[in-house]
């Protein structure tokens, strides 16, 4: 862990779930950054992925005198392991490069995004991605997974830094499948046999997450269930949207205070 990162292997996919960002110029001397929406609480206004991005662009003289008013409507829970903050920073970086004509090449964009966070470069392109190694080597693939997914947020803000520091088990291995395969059944079988090494550590600190995972697993049509990233959100991959919808209804009855949503991966 010489660079501060662990030697990982992680499959990252995207679904139709996102925060909404509005941006405009302002005559103020400093940026005005606001968070709104259901999950606005708990995010530092002084230090977040957006402030880090703006700081880096100004430090490198890509943005100079102009200040911005930025509002992020948080539809993705903070501390859920769903990558909302990283995705927002990557989206704004691409926006600035295009609309402000910064003329950053791919290498410059990657370096800036990597300084914001390990996950930020992944979000520069909305493609299914395999992340490997301590340096986060990215293998993009064009194949669409098209998985029906149910996401449950158990109202826990999970610290990525804490979970990685406390986790002692990492078992990266070479992929035994071509992710560009059109054989969806083969791909799902591979994913079923995989696991999230962080899950046992997350459950140790937040035991109720195990109950949520097991309840999702018990639902009709659930192919597999686990945490996403370092938690705390739990996901269930279902054989059909119909089964996912029915499972969501049962989960809302059992856990009425938990946020849940149904989506489909790209």
Protein backbone atom coordinates (compact mmCIF):
# COMPACT_ATOMS: atom_id res chain seq x y z
CA UNK A 1 0.00 0.00 0.00
CA UNK A 2 2.88 2.36 -0.85
CA UNK A 3 0.69 4.97 -2.53
CA UNK A 4 -1.96 4.81 0.19
CA UNK A 5 -4.25 2.59 -1.84
CA UNK A 6 -4.95 -1.12 -1.62
CA UNK A 7 -4.43 -3.69 -4.34
CA UNK A 8 -7.99 -4.15 -5.49
CA UNK A 9 -10.11 -5.62 -8.23
CA UNK A 10 -13.51 -4.03 -8.59
CA UNK A 11 -16.25 -4.07 -11.19
CA UNK A 12 -17.98 -0.70 -11.52
CA UNK A 13 -21.23 -0.23 -13.40
CA UNK A 14 -23.61 2.69 -13.78
CA UNK A 15 -27.37 2.99 -13.50
CA UNK A 16 -30.05 5.62 -14.00
CA UNK A 17 -29.52 7.29 -10.63
CA UNK A 18 -27.76 10.62 -10.32
CA UNK A 19 -27.52 13.94 -8.50
CA UNK A 20 -28.64 17.08 -10.36
CA UNK A 21 -26.15 19.93 -10.79
CA UNK A 22 -26.93 23.53 -11.76
CA UNK A 23 -24.13 26.02 -12.35
CA UNK A 24 -24.00 29.71 -13.20
CA UNK A 25 -21.50 32.55 -13.12
CA UNK A 26 -21.53 34.85 -10.12
CA UNK A 27 -20.11 38.33 -9.48
CA UNK A 28 -19.02 37.29 -6.01
CA UNK A 29 -15.32 36.97 -5.30
CA UNK A 30 -15.75 33.41 -4.09
CA UNK A 31 -17.69 30.37 -5.25
CA UNK A 32 -21.08 29.69 -3.73
CA UNK A 33 -21.67 25.97 -3.38
CA UNK A 34 -24.98 24.65 -2.10
CA UNK A 35 -26.34 21.19 -1.44
CA UNK A 36 -30.07 20.56 -1.56
CA UNK A 37 -32.39 17.59 -1.79
CA UNK A 38 -33.18 14.62 0.40
CA UNK A 39 -29.53 13.79 1.16
CA UNK A 40 -28.03 17.26 1.57
CA UNK A 41 -27.08 16.82 5.23
CA UNK A 42 -23.66 15.68 6.39
CA UNK A 43 -21.65 17.11 3.49
CA UNK A 44 -18.99 19.68 4.30
CA UNK A 45 -19.49 22.88 2.31
CA UNK A 46 -15.83 23.79 2.75
CA UNK A 47 -14.24 20.47 1.77
CA UNK A 48 -15.91 18.22 -0.77
CA UNK A 49 -15.23 16.87 -4.24
CA UNK A 50 -16.49 20.08 -5.89
CA UNK A 51 -14.30 22.42 -3.81
CA UNK A 52 -11.32 20.14 -4.46
CA UNK A 53 -11.94 20.28 -8.22
CA UNK A 54 -12.21 24.07 -8.28
CA UNK A 55 -9.09 24.41 -6.14
CA UNK A 56 -7.05 22.18 -8.47
CA UNK A 57 -8.23 23.94 -11.64
CA UNK A 58 -7.32 27.34 -10.19
CA UNK A 59 -4.02 26.12 -8.76
CA UNK A 60 -3.03 25.00 -12.26
CA UNK A 61 -4.35 28.27 -13.76
CA UNK A 62 -7.01 26.57 -15.86
CA UNK A 63 -9.70 28.65 -14.14
CA UNK A 64 -8.75 32.16 -13.16
CA UNK A 65 -10.97 35.07 -12.12
CA UNK A 66 -14.43 33.62 -12.67
CA UNK A 67 -16.40 32.44 -9.62
CA UNK A 68 -19.40 30.12 -9.80
CA UNK A 69 -22.68 29.45 -8.08
CA UNK A 70 -23.17 25.69 -7.97
CA UNK A 71 -26.09 23.76 -6.54
CA UNK A 72 -26.00 19.99 -6.18
CA UNK A 73 -29.35 18.37 -5.57
CA UNK A 74 -28.43 15.21 -3.70
CA UNK A 75 -30.52 12.31 -4.93
CA UNK A 76 -27.77 9.83 -4.03
CA UNK A 77 -27.16 9.23 -0.31
CA UNK A 78 -23.91 10.54 1.12
CA UNK A 79 -21.67 7.80 2.56
CA UNK A 80 -23.56 5.03 0.75
CA UNK A 81 -20.76 3.70 -1.46
CA UNK A 82 -22.68 4.68 -4.61
CA UNK A 83 -20.06 7.19 -5.77
CA UNK A 84 -22.26 10.29 -6.01
CA UNK A 85 -19.56 12.75 -4.97
CA UNK A 86 -16.95 11.26 -7.30
CA UNK A 87 -19.38 11.26 -10.20
CA UNK A 88 -20.31 14.90 -9.59
CA UNK A 89 -16.67 16.00 -9.65
CA UNK A 90 -15.94 14.04 -12.83
CA UNK A 91 -19.05 15.47 -14.54
CA UNK A 92 -18.10 19.04 -13.64
CA UNK A 93 -14.51 18.49 -14.77
CA UNK A 94 -15.75 17.36 -18.18
CA UNK A 95 -18.19 20.30 -18.23
CA UNK A 96 -15.50 22.88 -17.50
CA UNK A 97 -13.15 21.39 -20.06
CA UNK A 98 -15.84 21.54 -22.74
CA UNK A 99 -17.73 24.76 -21.95
CA UNK A 100 -14.79 26.82 -20.66
CA UNK A 101 -12.56 25.58 -23.48
CA UNK A 102 -9.78 24.52 -21.12
CA UNK A 103 -8.30 22.22 -23.78
CA UNK A 104 -7.21 19.63 -21.26
CA UNK A 105 -6.02 16.40 -22.84
CA UNK A 106 -7.02 12.98 -21.51
CA UNK A 107 -3.86 12.64 -19.45
CA UNK A 108 -4.36 16.03 -17.76
CA UNK A 109 -8.01 15.24 -17.03
CA UNK A 110 -7.05 11.90 -15.52
CA UNK A 111 -4.35 13.43 -13.28
CA UNK A 112 -6.68 16.13 -11.96
CA UNK A 113 -9.50 13.68 -11.31
CA UNK A 114 -7.14 11.27 -9.57
CA UNK A 115 -6.12 14.03 -7.15
CA UNK A 116 -9.76 14.46 -6.15
CA UNK A 117 -10.26 10.81 -5.28
CA UNK A 118 -9.51 7.25 -6.31
CA UNK A 119 -13.01 6.76 -7.77
CA UNK A 120 -13.21 10.04 -9.68
CA UNK A 121 -11.36 8.91 -12.86
CA UNK A 122 -13.76 5.96 -13.16
CA UNK A 123 -16.64 8.41 -13.57
CA UNK A 124 -15.11 10.38 -16.43
CA UNK A 125 -16.75 7.98 -18.86
CA UNK A 126 -20.03 6.22 -18.17
CA UNK A 127 -18.88 2.77 -19.24
CA UNK A 128 -18.73 -0.48 -17.31
CA UNK A 129 -15.24 -0.60 -15.88
CA UNK A 130 -12.92 -3.09 -14.22
CA UNK A 131 -10.57 -1.39 -11.74
CA UNK A 132 -7.40 -3.27 -10.78
CA UNK A 133 -4.24 -2.72 -8.78
CA UNK A 134 -3.03 -0.08 -6.34
CA UNK A 135 -2.90 2.58 -9.06
CA UNK A 136 -6.43 1.94 -10.21
CA UNK A 137 -5.82 0.68 -13.73
CA UNK A 138 -9.05 1.08 -15.69
CA UNK A 139 -10.31 -1.43 -18.20
CA UNK A 140 -13.39 -0.07 -19.97
CA UNK A 141 -15.67 -2.40 -21.87
CA UNK A 142 -18.50 -1.69 -24.26
CA UNK A 143 -20.78 -4.57 -23.31
CA UNK A 144 -24.02 -3.60 -21.57
CA UNK A 145 -24.85 -5.56 -18.43
CA UNK A 146 -28.52 -4.58 -18.30
CA UNK A 147 -29.09 -5.88 -14.75
CA UNK A 148 -32.28 -5.13 -12.80
CA UNK A 149 -31.09 -3.73 -9.50
CA UNK A 150 -32.68 -2.84 -6.18
CA UNK A 151 -30.73 -0.45 -3.95
CA UNK A 152 -31.40 0.04 -0.23
CA UNK A 153 -29.76 2.70 1.91
CA UNK A 154 -30.01 1.80 5.62
CA UNK A 155 -29.41 5.37 6.87
CA UNK A 156 -25.76 4.73 7.71
CA UNK A 157 -22.92 6.99 6.61
CA UNK A 158 -20.06 4.56 6.05
CA UNK A 159 -16.54 5.99 6.05
CA UNK A 160 -14.58 4.63 3.09
CA UNK A 161 -11.29 5.55 4.74
CA UNK A 162 -12.22 3.78 7.98
CA UNK A 163 -13.45 0.61 6.26
CA UNK A 164 -10.34 0.27 4.11
CA UNK A 165 -8.05 0.92 7.08
CA UNK A 166 -9.76 -1.72 9.22
CA UNK A 167 -10.17 -4.30 6.49
CA UNK A 168 -7.47 -7.00 6.56
CA UNK A 169 -8.76 -9.23 3.79
CA UNK A 170 -8.08 -8.49 0.15
CA UNK A 171 -8.17 -11.28 -2.35
CA UNK A 172 -7.63 -9.81 -5.84
CA UNK A 173 -7.30 -12.32 -8.61
CA UNK A 174 -7.14 -12.36 -12.36
CA UNK A 175 -10.53 -12.15 -14.04
CA UNK A 176 -11.60 -15.46 -15.51
CA UNK A 177 -14.11 -13.89 -17.87
CA UNK A 178 -14.18 -11.58 -20.84
CA UNK A 179 -16.46 -8.74 -19.74
CA UNK A 180 -17.25 -7.95 -23.35
CA UNK A 181 -18.95 -11.31 -23.66
CA UNK A 182 -22.55 -11.29 -24.88
CA UNK A 183 -23.28 -14.37 -22.78
CA UNK A 184 -25.22 -12.71 -19.96
CA UNK A 185 -25.83 -15.98 -18.10
CA UNK A 186 -22.09 -16.67 -17.98
CA UNK A 187 -21.42 -13.16 -16.70
CA UNK A 188 -24.04 -13.44 -13.95
CA UNK A 189 -22.63 -16.81 -12.85
CA UNK A 190 -19.22 -15.18 -12.55
CA UNK A 191 -20.62 -12.32 -10.45
CA UNK A 192 -22.50 -14.72 -8.17
CA UNK A 193 -19.23 -16.49 -7.34
CA UNK A 194 -17.45 -13.22 -6.63
CA UNK A 195 -17.69 -11.28 -3.37
CA UNK A 196 -16.97 -7.91 -1.80
CA UNK A 197 -13.96 -8.22 0.52
CA UNK A 198 -15.08 -5.14 2.46
CA UNK A 199 -18.44 -6.62 3.40
CA UNK A 200 -17.34 -8.49 6.53
CA UNK A 201 -15.64 -5.36 7.90
CA UNK A 202 -18.68 -3.19 7.16
CA UNK A 203 -20.96 -5.72 8.89
CA UNK A 204 -18.63 -5.79 11.90
CA UNK A 205 -19.18 -2.06 12.44
CA UNK A 206 -22.78 -1.94 11.22
CA UNK A 207 -24.37 -5.34 12.05
CA UNK A 208 -27.85 -4.42 10.77
CA UNK A 209 -26.47 -4.34 7.22
CA UNK A 210 -26.18 -8.13 7.30
CA UNK A 211 -29.88 -8.39 8.11
CA UNK A 212 -30.71 -6.16 5.15
CA UNK A 213 -28.55 -8.22 2.78
CA UNK A 214 -30.09 -11.48 3.99
CA UNK A 215 -33.61 -10.09 3.63
CA UNK A 216 -32.89 -9.03 0.05
CA UNK A 217 -31.43 -12.47 -0.69
CA UNK A 218 -34.61 -14.14 0.57
CA UNK A 219 -36.79 -12.34 -1.97
CA UNK A 220 -38.18 -14.16 -4.97
CA UNK A 221 -36.02 -13.69 -8.06
CA UNK A 222 -32.98 -12.31 -6.21
CA UNK A 223 -29.85 -13.59 -7.95
CA UNK A 224 -27.43 -12.22 -5.37
CA UNK A 225 -27.14 -9.44 -2.82
CA UNK A 226 -24.20 -7.60 -1.22
CA UNK A 227 -22.99 -4.15 -0.26
CA UNK A 228 -21.82 -1.75 -2.93
CA UNK A 229 -18.30 -0.36 -2.54
CA UNK A 230 -17.50 0.25 1.10
CA UNK A 231 -21.19 0.52 1.97
CA UNK A 232 -23.53 1.25 3.41
CA UNK A 233 -25.94 0.79 0.51
CA UNK A 234 -27.01 -2.78 -0.15
CA UNK A 235 -27.89 -4.02 -3.61
CA UNK A 236 -29.89 -6.91 -4.95
CA UNK A 237 -29.62 -8.11 -8.54
CA UNK A 238 -32.93 -9.55 -9.70
CA UNK A 239 -34.03 -11.81 -12.52
CA UNK A 240 -36.64 -9.27 -13.62
CA UNK A 241 -37.87 -5.76 -12.90
CA UNK A 242 -41.18 -7.24 -11.76
CA UNK A 243 -39.44 -9.26 -9.02
CA UNK A 244 -37.42 -6.21 -7.98
CA UNK A 245 -40.59 -4.10 -7.66
CA UNK A 246 -42.29 -6.72 -5.50
CA UNK A 247 -39.18 -7.07 -3.32
CA UNK A 248 -39.07 -3.30 -2.83
CA UNK A 249 -42.65 -3.34 -1.54
CA UNK A 250 -41.77 -5.99 1.06
CA UNK A 251 -38.61 -4.16 2.07
CA UNK A 252 -40.57 -0.93 2.58
CA UNK A 253 -42.91 -2.83 4.89
CA UNK A 254 -40.04 -4.27 6.93
CA UNK A 255 -37.79 -1.20 6.82
CA UNK A 256 -40.12 1.79 6.29
CA UNK A 257 -37.44 4.36 7.15
CA UNK A 258 -34.86 3.06 4.68
CA UNK A 259 -34.52 4.67 1.26
CA UNK A 260 -34.81 2.32 -1.69
CA UNK A 261 -34.89 2.60 -5.46
CA UNK A 262 -35.12 0.31 -8.48
CA UNK A 263 -32.92 0.91 -11.50
CA UNK A 264 -31.19 -0.88 -14.35
CA UNK A 265 -27.46 -0.96 -14.97
CA UNK A 266 -26.00 0.08 -18.31
